[in-house]
């Protein structure tokens, strides 16, 4: 199995966007905000490839 390289990134978000992310997290049942943001980024990237 290939080990994925990981890099730490610090981001600043507008509070209104974080409120939307938090609502999505609660709706979808994600346990952390980071997990939710990671999911949303992956979904957006997959859609942009379609």
Protein backbone atom coordinates (compact mmCIF):
# COMPACT_ATOMS: atom_id res chain seq x y z
CA UNK A 1 0.00 0.00 0.00
CA UNK A 2 1.32 3.44 -0.96
CA UNK A 3 1.65 5.98 1.84
CA UNK A 4 0.02 9.34 1.11
CA UNK A 5 2.06 12.43 1.79
CA UNK A 6 0.23 14.83 4.08
CA UNK A 7 0.70 18.57 4.38
CA UNK A 8 -0.81 20.82 7.03
CA UNK A 9 -2.68 23.92 5.81
CA UNK A 10 -4.08 26.73 7.90
CA UNK A 11 -7.09 28.49 6.38
CA UNK A 12 -9.20 31.45 7.40
CA UNK A 13 -12.90 31.36 6.51
CA UNK A 14 -15.61 34.00 6.74
CA UNK A 15 -17.94 33.24 9.67
CA UNK A 16 -20.92 32.99 7.31
CA UNK A 17 -19.21 30.21 5.37
CA UNK A 18 -18.30 28.36 8.57
CA UNK A 19 -21.92 28.58 9.67
CA UNK A 20 -22.95 26.88 6.40
CA UNK A 21 -20.23 24.23 6.84
CA UNK A 22 -21.37 23.57 10.41
CA UNK A 23 -24.98 23.19 9.27
CA UNK A 24 -23.89 20.75 6.53
CA UNK A 25 -21.82 18.84 9.10
CA UNK A 26 -24.81 18.44 11.39
CA UNK A 27 -27.14 17.51 8.50
CA UNK A 28 -24.80 14.86 7.09
CA UNK A 29 -23.51 13.53 10.43
CA UNK A 30 -19.80 14.25 10.03
CA UNK A 31 -17.93 14.14 13.34
CA UNK A 32 -15.52 17.04 12.68
CA UNK A 33 -15.46 20.28 10.75
CA UNK A 34 -12.21 19.21 9.07
CA UNK A 35 -13.81 15.99 7.86
CA UNK A 36 -16.73 18.02 6.49
CA UNK A 37 -14.48 20.48 4.64
CA UNK A 38 -12.43 17.60 3.20
CA UNK A 39 -15.64 15.94 1.94
CA UNK A 40 -16.94 19.18 0.40
CA UNK A 41 -13.63 19.79 -1.39
CA UNK A 42 -13.64 16.27 -2.80
CA UNK A 43 -17.25 16.59 -4.01
CA UNK A 44 -16.49 19.93 -5.70
CA UNK A 45 -13.37 18.57 -7.37
CA UNK A 46 -15.19 15.48 -8.65
CA UNK A 47 -17.96 17.67 -10.09
CA UNK A 48 -15.44 19.95 -11.77
CA UNK A 49 -13.93 16.92 -13.55
CA UNK A 50 -17.34 15.91 -14.94
